[in-house]
Amino acid sequence: MLILSRRKDESVIIDGRIEVAIVDIKGDQVKLGIKAPRDVKVFRNEVFQAIQAENKAAAAAPVDLPALDLPGEDR
């Protein structure tokens, strides 16, 4: 993990496409501004973890598909 010090109104550039700026600092809360191309998905970590858990649960869930009655097929 790279750790950087930044002050209010300073920013960092990631991969030449993403800018993360310090917008405001109040006590122990820091507000970030993120400029990124629309194809880059940006999530808070807790939201990302919830999405991953939902995807994992959906992939593990059994799928009960009805049998198909295809023409020319004897049962």
PDB file of N, CA and C in Angstrom:
ATOM      1  N   MET A   1       0.848  -1.178   0.000  1.00  0.00           N
ATOM      2  CA  MET A   1       0.000   0.000   0.000  1.00  0.00           C
ATOM      3  C   MET A   1       0.888   1.234   0.000  1.00  0.00           C
ATOM      4  N   LEU A   2       0.589   2.123  -0.895  1.00  0.00           N
ATOM      5  CA  LEU A   2       1.288   3.403  -0.953  1.00  0.00           C
ATOM      6  C   LEU A   2       0.577   4.375  -0.019  1.00  0.00           C
ATOM      7  N   ILE A   3       1.313   5.051   0.828  1.00  0.00           N
ATOM      8  CA  ILE A   3       0.739   6.027   1.753  1.00  0.00           C
ATOM      9  C   ILE A   3       1.310   7.393   1.417  1.00  0.00           C
ATOM     10  N   LEU A   4       0.412   8.344   1.158  1.00  0.00           N
ATOM     11  CA  LEU A   4       0.809   9.695   0.782  1.00  0.00           C
ATOM     12  C   LEU A   4       0.196  10.701   1.748  1.00  0.00           C
ATOM     13  N   SER A   5       0.866  11.800   1.940  1.00  0.00           N
ATOM     14  CA  SER A   5       0.297  12.915   2.700  1.00  0.00           C
ATOM     15  C   SER A   5      -0.195  13.951   1.695  1.00  0.00           C
ATOM     16  N   ARG A   6      -1.391  14.430   1.888  1.00  0.00           N
ATOM     17  CA  ARG A   6      -1.976  15.459   1.041  1.00  0.00           C
ATOM     18  C   ARG A   6      -2.703  16.450   1.944  1.00  0.00           C
ATOM     19  N   ARG A   7      -2.764  17.680   1.526  1.00  0.00           N
ATOM     20  CA  ARG A   7      -3.512  18.713   2.232  1.00  0.00           C
ATOM     21  C   ARG A   7      -4.781  19.009   1.453  1.00  0.00           C
ATOM     22  N   LYS A   8      -5.666  19.777   2.064  1.00  0.00           N
ATOM     23  CA  LYS A   8      -6.898  20.180   1.397  1.00  0.00           C
ATOM     24  C   LYS A   8      -6.554  20.829   0.052  1.00  0.00           C
ATOM     25  N   ASP A   9      -7.333  20.508  -0.946  1.00  0.00           N
ATOM     26  CA  ASP A   9      -7.192  21.000  -2.321  1.00  0.00           C
ATOM     27  C   ASP A   9      -5.996  20.416  -3.066  1.00  0.00           C
ATOM     28  N   GLU A  10      -5.324  19.434  -2.495  1.00  0.00           N
ATOM     29  CA  GLU A  10      -4.271  18.707  -3.207  1.00  0.00           C
ATOM     30  C   GLU A  10      -4.856  17.387  -3.705  1.00  0.00           C
ATOM     31  N   SER A  11      -4.181  16.795  -4.677  1.00  0.00           N
ATOM     32  CA  SER A  11      -4.715  15.555  -5.242  1.00  0.00           C
ATOM     33  C   SER A  11      -3.591  14.623  -5.655  1.00  0.00           C
ATOM     34  N   VAL A  12      -3.969  13.423  -6.042  1.00  0.00           N
ATOM     35  CA  VAL A  12      -3.055  12.444  -6.632  1.00  0.00           C
ATOM     36  C   VAL A  12      -3.697  11.951  -7.920  1.00  0.00           C
ATOM     37  N   ILE A  13      -2.866  11.536  -8.864  1.00  0.00           N
ATOM     38  CA  ILE A  13      -3.326  11.005 -10.145  1.00  0.00           C
ATOM     39  C   ILE A  13      -2.963   9.524 -10.186  1.00  0.00           C
ATOM     40  N   ILE A  14      -3.927   8.695 -10.574  1.00  0.00           N
ATOM     41  CA  ILE A  14      -3.719   7.252 -10.666  1.00  0.00           C
ATOM     42  C   ILE A  14      -3.859   6.839 -12.124  1.00  0.00           C
ATOM     43  N   ASP A  15      -2.841   6.184 -12.638  1.00  0.00           N
ATOM     44  CA  ASP A  15      -2.848   5.649 -13.999  1.00  0.00           C
ATOM     45  C   ASP A  15      -3.108   6.720 -15.057  1.00  0.00           C
ATOM     46  N   GLY A  16      -2.832   7.962 -14.746  1.00  0.00           N
ATOM     47  CA  GLY A  16      -3.017   9.038 -15.704  1.00  0.00           C
ATOM     48  C   GLY A  16      -4.470   9.319 -16.065  1.00  0.00           C
ATOM     49  N   ARG A  17      -5.418   8.626 -15.409  1.00  0.00           N
ATOM     50  CA  ARG A  17      -6.832   8.769 -15.753  1.00  0.00           C
ATOM     51  C   ARG A  17      -7.719   9.103 -14.562  1.00  0.00           C
ATOM     52  N   ILE A  18      -7.249   8.847 -13.366  1.00  0.00           N
ATOM     53  CA  ILE A  18      -8.080   9.001 -12.178  1.00  0.00           C
ATOM     54  C   ILE A  18      -7.433  10.016 -11.248  1.00  0.00           C
ATOM     55  N   GLU A  19      -8.206  11.019 -10.852  1.00  0.00           N
ATOM     56  CA  GLU A  19      -7.716  12.024  -9.916  1.00  0.00           C
ATOM     57  C   GLU A  19      -8.492  11.899  -8.615  1.00  0.00           C
ATOM     58  N   VAL A  20      -7.759  11.788  -7.518  1.00  0.00           N
ATOM     59  CA  VAL A  20      -8.362  11.746  -6.182  1.00  0.00           C
ATOM     60  C   VAL A  20      -7.892  12.996  -5.458  1.00  0.00           C
ATOM     61  N   ALA A  21      -8.862  13.854  -5.099  1.00  0.00           N
ATOM     62  CA  ALA A  21      -8.538  15.132  -4.469  1.00  0.00           C
ATOM     63  C   ALA A  21      -9.085  15.176  -3.049  1.00  0.00           C
ATOM     64  N   ILE A  22      -8.365  15.869  -2.167  1.00  0.00           N
ATOM     65  CA  ILE A  22      -8.847  16.133  -0.812  1.00  0.00           C
ATOM     66  C   ILE A  22      -9.722  17.377  -0.903  1.00  0.00           C
ATOM     67  N   VAL A  23     -11.008  17.212  -0.666  1.00  0.00           N
ATOM     68  CA  VAL A  23     -11.964  18.310  -0.801  1.00  0.00           C
ATOM     69  C   VAL A  23     -12.132  19.054   0.518  1.00  0.00           C
ATOM     70  N   ASP A  24     -12.200  18.296   1.617  1.00  0.00           N
ATOM     71  CA  ASP A  24     -12.428  18.923   2.912  1.00  0.00           C
ATOM     72  C   ASP A  24     -11.918  18.014   4.016  1.00  0.00           C
ATOM     73  N   ILE A  25     -11.503  18.612   5.109  1.00  0.00           N
ATOM     74  CA  ILE A  25     -11.059  17.873   6.281  1.00  0.00           C
ATOM     75  C   ILE A  25     -11.720  18.508   7.495  1.00  0.00           C
ATOM     76  N   LYS A  26     -12.470  17.712   8.237  1.00  0.00           N
ATOM     77  CA  LYS A  26     -13.110  18.180   9.471  1.00  0.00           C
ATOM     78  C   LYS A  26     -12.924  17.107  10.529  1.00  0.00           C
ATOM     79  N   GLY A  27     -12.099  17.392  11.510  1.00  0.00           N
ATOM     80  CA  GLY A  27     -11.842  16.401  12.558  1.00  0.00           C
ATOM     81  C   GLY A  27     -11.230  15.149  11.973  1.00  0.00           C
ATOM     82  N   ASP A  28     -11.883  14.010  12.229  1.00  0.00           N
ATOM     83  CA  ASP A  28     -11.359  12.734  11.718  1.00  0.00           C
ATOM     84  C   ASP A  28     -12.023  12.321  10.406  1.00  0.00           C
ATOM     85  N   GLN A  29     -12.755  13.236   9.777  1.00  0.00           N
ATOM     86  CA  GLN A  29     -13.412  12.928   8.508  1.00  0.00           C
ATOM     87  C   GLN A  29     -12.736  13.681   7.361  1.00  0.00           C
ATOM     88  N   VAL A  30     -12.452  12.943   6.311  1.00  0.00           N
ATOM     89  CA  VAL A  30     -11.836  13.514   5.112  1.00  0.00           C
ATOM     90  C   VAL A  30     -12.793  13.293   3.953  1.00  0.00           C
ATOM     91  N   LYS A  31     -13.103  14.337   3.208  1.00  0.00           N
ATOM     92  CA  LYS A  31     -13.949  14.206   2.023  1.00  0.00           C
ATOM     93  C   LYS A  31     -13.055  14.163   0.798  1.00  0.00           C
ATOM     94  N   LEU A  32     -13.285  13.139  -0.027  1.00  0.00           N
ATOM     95  CA  LEU A  32     -12.516  12.948  -1.247  1.00  0.00           C
ATOM     96  C   LEU A  32     -13.371  13.277  -2.454  1.00  0.00           C
ATOM     97  N   GLY A  33     -12.761  13.840  -3.457  1.00  0.00           N
ATOM     98  CA  GLY A  33     -13.389  14.011  -4.758  1.00  0.00           C
ATOM     99  C   GLY A  33     -12.655  13.116  -5.736  1.00  0.00           C
ATOM    100  N   ILE A  34     -13.412  12.374  -6.538  1.00  0.00           N
ATOM    101  CA  ILE A  34     -12.797  11.429  -7.466  1.00  0.00           C
ATOM    102  C   ILE A  34     -13.267  11.747  -8.879  1.00  0.00           C
ATOM    103  N   LYS A  35     -12.312  12.012  -9.769  1.00  0.00           N
ATOM    104  CA  LYS A  35     -12.603  12.200 -11.192  1.00  0.00           C
ATOM    105  C   LYS A  35     -12.057  10.986 -11.919  1.00  0.00           C
ATOM    106  N   ALA A  36     -12.959  10.270 -12.585  1.00  0.00           N
ATOM    107  CA  ALA A  36     -12.545   9.061 -13.303  1.00  0.00           C
ATOM    108  C   ALA A  36     -13.411   8.904 -14.543  1.00  0.00           C
ATOM    109  N   PRO A  37     -12.902   8.215 -15.558  1.00  0.00           N
ATOM    110  CA  PRO A  37     -13.721   7.938 -16.736  1.00  0.00           C
ATOM    111  C   PRO A  37     -14.961   7.137 -16.341  1.00  0.00           C
ATOM    112  N   ARG A  38     -16.010   7.263 -17.117  1.00  0.00           N
ATOM    113  CA  ARG A  38     -17.273   6.582 -16.796  1.00  0.00           C
ATOM    114  C   ARG A  38     -17.131   5.066 -16.763  1.00  0.00           C
ATOM    115  N   ASP A  39     -16.157   4.510 -17.488  1.00  0.00           N
ATOM    116  CA  ASP A  39     -15.996   3.055 -17.493  1.00  0.00           C
ATOM    117  C   ASP A  39     -15.305   2.540 -16.236  1.00  0.00           C
ATOM    118  N   VAL A  40     -14.813   3.425 -15.374  1.00  0.00           N
ATOM    119  CA  VAL A  40     -14.167   3.030 -14.129  1.00  0.00           C
ATOM    120  C   VAL A  40     -15.210   3.059 -13.024  1.00  0.00           C
ATOM    121  N   LYS A  41     -15.445   1.906 -12.410  1.00  0.00           N
ATOM    122  CA  LYS A  41     -16.412   1.830 -11.323  1.00  0.00           C
ATOM    123  C   LYS A  41     -15.726   2.226 -10.020  1.00  0.00           C
ATOM    124  N   VAL A  42     -16.358   3.105  -9.265  1.00  0.00           N
ATOM    125  CA  VAL A  42     -15.815   3.573  -7.996  1.00  0.00           C
ATOM    126  C   VAL A  42     -16.843   3.268  -6.913  1.00  0.00           C
ATOM    127  N   PHE A  43     -16.448   2.500  -5.898  1.00  0.00           N
ATOM    128  CA  PHE A  43     -17.331   2.121  -4.801  1.00  0.00           C
ATOM    129  C   PHE A  43     -16.648   2.396  -3.466  1.00  0.00           C
ATOM    130  N   ARG A  44     -17.449   2.704  -2.450  1.00  0.00           N
ATOM    131  CA  ARG A  44     -16.926   2.662  -1.077  1.00  0.00           C
ATOM    132  C   ARG A  44     -16.624   1.200  -0.779  1.00  0.00           C
ATOM    133  N   ASN A  45     -15.626   0.936   0.050  1.00  0.00           N
ATOM    134  CA  ASN A  45     -15.205  -0.439   0.320  1.00  0.00           C
ATOM    135  C   ASN A  45     -16.346  -1.295   0.843  1.00  0.00           C
ATOM    136  N   GLU A  46     -17.160  -0.780   1.775  1.00  0.00           N
ATOM    137  CA  GLU A  46     -18.234  -1.595   2.344  1.00  0.00           C
ATOM    138  C   GLU A  46     -19.292  -1.948   1.292  1.00  0.00           C
ATOM    139  N   VAL A  47     -19.531  -1.069   0.339  1.00  0.00           N
ATOM    140  CA  VAL A  47     -20.468  -1.361  -0.743  1.00  0.00           C
ATOM    141  C   VAL A  47     -19.864  -2.411  -1.673  1.00  0.00           C
ATOM    142  N   PHE A  48     -18.595  -2.267  -2.004  1.00  0.00           N
ATOM    143  CA  PHE A  48     -17.913  -3.238  -2.859  1.00  0.00           C
ATOM    144  C   PHE A  48     -17.936  -4.627  -2.227  1.00  0.00           C
ATOM    145  N   GLN A  49     -17.664  -4.707  -0.918  1.00  0.00           N
ATOM    146  CA  GLN A  49     -17.677  -6.000  -0.220  1.00  0.00           C
ATOM    147  C   GLN A  49     -19.076  -6.620  -0.253  1.00  0.00           C
ATOM    148  N   ALA A  50     -20.110  -5.805  -0.077  1.00  0.00           N
ATOM    149  CA  ALA A  50     -21.484  -6.322  -0.130  1.00  0.00           C
ATOM    150  C   ALA A  50     -21.819  -6.848  -1.523  1.00  0.00           C
ATOM    151  N   ILE A  51     -21.392  -6.151  -2.557  1.00  0.00           N
ATOM    152  CA  ILE A  51     -21.620  -6.596  -3.934  1.00  0.00           C
ATOM    153  C   ILE A  51     -20.914  -7.933  -4.170  1.00  0.00           C
ATOM    154  N   GLN A  52     -19.677  -8.034  -3.711  1.00  0.00           N
ATOM    155  CA  GLN A  52     -18.915  -9.281  -3.880  1.00  0.00           C
ATOM    156  C   GLN A  52     -19.606 -10.440  -3.171  1.00  0.00           C
ATOM    157  N   ALA A  53     -20.104 -10.200  -1.953  1.00  0.00           N
ATOM    158  CA  ALA A  53     -20.788 -11.255  -1.190  1.00  0.00           C
ATOM    159  C   ALA A  53     -22.068 -11.689  -1.911  1.00  0.00           C
ATOM    160  N   GLU A  54     -22.826 -10.724  -2.435  1.00  0.00           N
ATOM    161  CA  GLU A  54     -24.047 -11.050  -3.182  1.00  0.00           C
ATOM    162  C   GLU A  54     -23.718 -11.865  -4.431  1.00  0.00           C
ATOM    163  N   ASN A  55     -22.685 -11.473  -5.146  1.00  0.00           N
ATOM    164  CA  ASN A  55     -22.284 -12.208  -6.358  1.00  0.00           C
ATOM    165  C   ASN A  55     -21.859 -13.631  -6.011  1.00  0.00           C
ATOM    166  N   LYS A  56     -21.120 -13.780  -4.932  1.00  0.00           N
ATOM    167  CA  LYS A  56     -20.662 -15.110  -4.513  1.00  0.00           C
ATOM    168  C   LYS A  56     -21.851 -15.981  -4.120  1.00  0.00           C
ATOM    169  N   ALA A  57     -22.810 -15.406  -3.379  1.00  0.00           N
ATOM    170  CA  ALA A  57     -23.997 -16.156  -2.971  1.00  0.00           C
ATOM    171  C   ALA A  57     -24.834 -16.552  -4.186  1.00  0.00           C
ATOM    172  N   ALA A  58     -24.973 -15.651  -5.136  1.00  0.00           N
ATOM    173  CA  ALA A  58     -25.758 -15.949  -6.336  1.00  0.00           C
ATOM    174  C   ALA A  58     -25.100 -17.049  -7.162  1.00  0.00           C
ATOM    175  N   ALA A  59     -23.789 -17.028  -7.238  1.00  0.00           N
ATOM    176  CA  ALA A  59     -23.067 -18.051  -8.014  1.00  0.00           C
ATOM    177  C   ALA A  59     -23.159 -19.417  -7.349  1.00  0.00           C
ATOM    178  N   ALA A  60     -23.287 -19.455  -6.015  1.00  0.00           N
ATOM    179  CA  ALA A  60     -23.337 -20.723  -5.290  1.00  0.00           C
ATOM    180  C   ALA A  60     -24.761 -21.265  -5.176  1.00  0.00           C
ATOM    181  N   ALA A  61     -25.759 -20.452  -5.427  1.00  0.00           N
ATOM    182  CA  ALA A  61     -27.156 -20.875  -5.283  1.00  0.00           C
ATOM    183  C   ALA A  61     -27.508 -21.905  -6.350  1.00  0.00           C
ATOM    184  N   PRO A  62     -28.206 -22.967  -5.938  1.00  0.00           N
ATOM    185  CA  PRO A  62     -28.619 -23.965  -6.937  1.00  0.00           C
ATOM    186  C   PRO A  62     -29.668 -23.377  -7.873  1.00  0.00           C
ATOM    187  N   VAL A  63     -29.596 -23.799  -9.104  1.00  0.00           N
ATOM    188  CA  VAL A  63     -30.548 -23.326 -10.104  1.00  0.00           C
ATOM    189  C   VAL A  63     -31.464 -24.486 -10.460  1.00  0.00           C
ATOM    190  N   ASP A  64     -32.763 -24.289 -10.294  1.00  0.00           N
ATOM    191  CA  ASP A  64     -33.754 -25.321 -10.607  1.00  0.00           C
ATOM    192  C   ASP A  64     -34.444 -24.934 -11.902  1.00  0.00           C
ATOM    193  N   LEU A  65     -33.974 -25.508 -13.000  1.00  0.00           N
ATOM    194  CA  LEU A  65     -34.533 -25.191 -14.303  1.00  0.00           C
ATOM    195  C   LEU A  65     -35.577 -26.240 -14.684  1.00  0.00           C
ATOM    196  N   PRO A  66     -36.681 -25.821 -15.263  1.00  0.00           N
ATOM    197  CA  PRO A  66     -37.671 -26.800 -15.710  1.00  0.00           C
ATOM    198  C   PRO A  66     -37.138 -27.593 -16.899  1.00  0.00           C
ATOM    199  N   ALA A  67     -37.592 -28.844 -17.000  1.00  0.00           N
ATOM    200  CA  ALA A  67     -37.173 -29.682 -18.126  1.00  0.00           C
ATOM    201  C   ALA A  67     -37.803 -29.148 -19.401  1.00  0.00           C
ATOM    202  N   LEU A  68     -37.051 -29.204 -20.479  1.00  0.00           N
ATOM    203  CA  LEU A  68     -37.552 -28.759 -21.775  1.00  0.00           C
ATOM    204  C   LEU A  68     -38.112 -29.949 -22.531  1.00  0.00           C
ATOM    205  N   ASP A  69     -39.271 -29.773 -23.121  1.00  0.00           N
ATOM    206  CA  ASP A  69     -39.880 -30.814 -23.942  1.00  0.00           C
ATOM    207  C   ASP A  69     -39.542 -30.503 -25.390  1.00  0.00           C
ATOM    208  N   LEU A  70     -38.478 -31.113 -25.887  1.00  0.00           N
ATOM    209  CA  LEU A  70     -38.004 -30.832 -27.235  1.00  0.00           C
ATOM    210  C   LEU A  70     -38.656 -31.769 -28.238  1.00  0.00           C
ATOM    211  N   PRO A  71     -38.995 -31.265 -29.404  1.00  0.00           N
ATOM    212  CA  PRO A  71     -39.592 -32.125 -30.445  1.00  0.00           C
ATOM    213  C   PRO A  71     -38.642 -33.252 -30.841  1.00  0.00           C
ATOM    214  N   GLY A  72     -39.203 -34.436 -31.030  1.00  0.00           N
ATOM    215  CA  GLY A  72     -38.414 -35.573 -31.474  1.00  0.00           C
ATOM    216  C   GLY A  72     -37.649 -36.243 -30.346  1.00  0.00           C
ATOM    217  N   GLU A  73     -37.870 -35.837 -29.133  1.00  0.00           N
ATOM    218  CA  GLU A  73     -37.157 -36.425 -27.992  1.00  0.00           C
ATOM    219  C   GLU A  73     -38.115 -37.306 -27.219  1.00  0.00           C
ATOM    220  N   ASP A  74     -37.768 -38.620 -27.056  1.00  0.00           N
ATOM    221  CA  ASP A  74     -38.601 -39.554 -26.299  1.00  0.00           C
ATOM    222  C   ASP A  74     -38.204 -39.538 -24.833  1.00  0.00           C
ATOM    223  N   ARG A  75     -39.211 -39.636 -23.984  1.00  0.00           N
ATOM    224  CA  ARG A  75     -38.940 -39.651 -22.538  1.00  0.00           C
ATOM    225  C   ARG A  75     -39.321 -40.960 -21.965  1.00  0.00           C
TER     226      ARG A  75
END
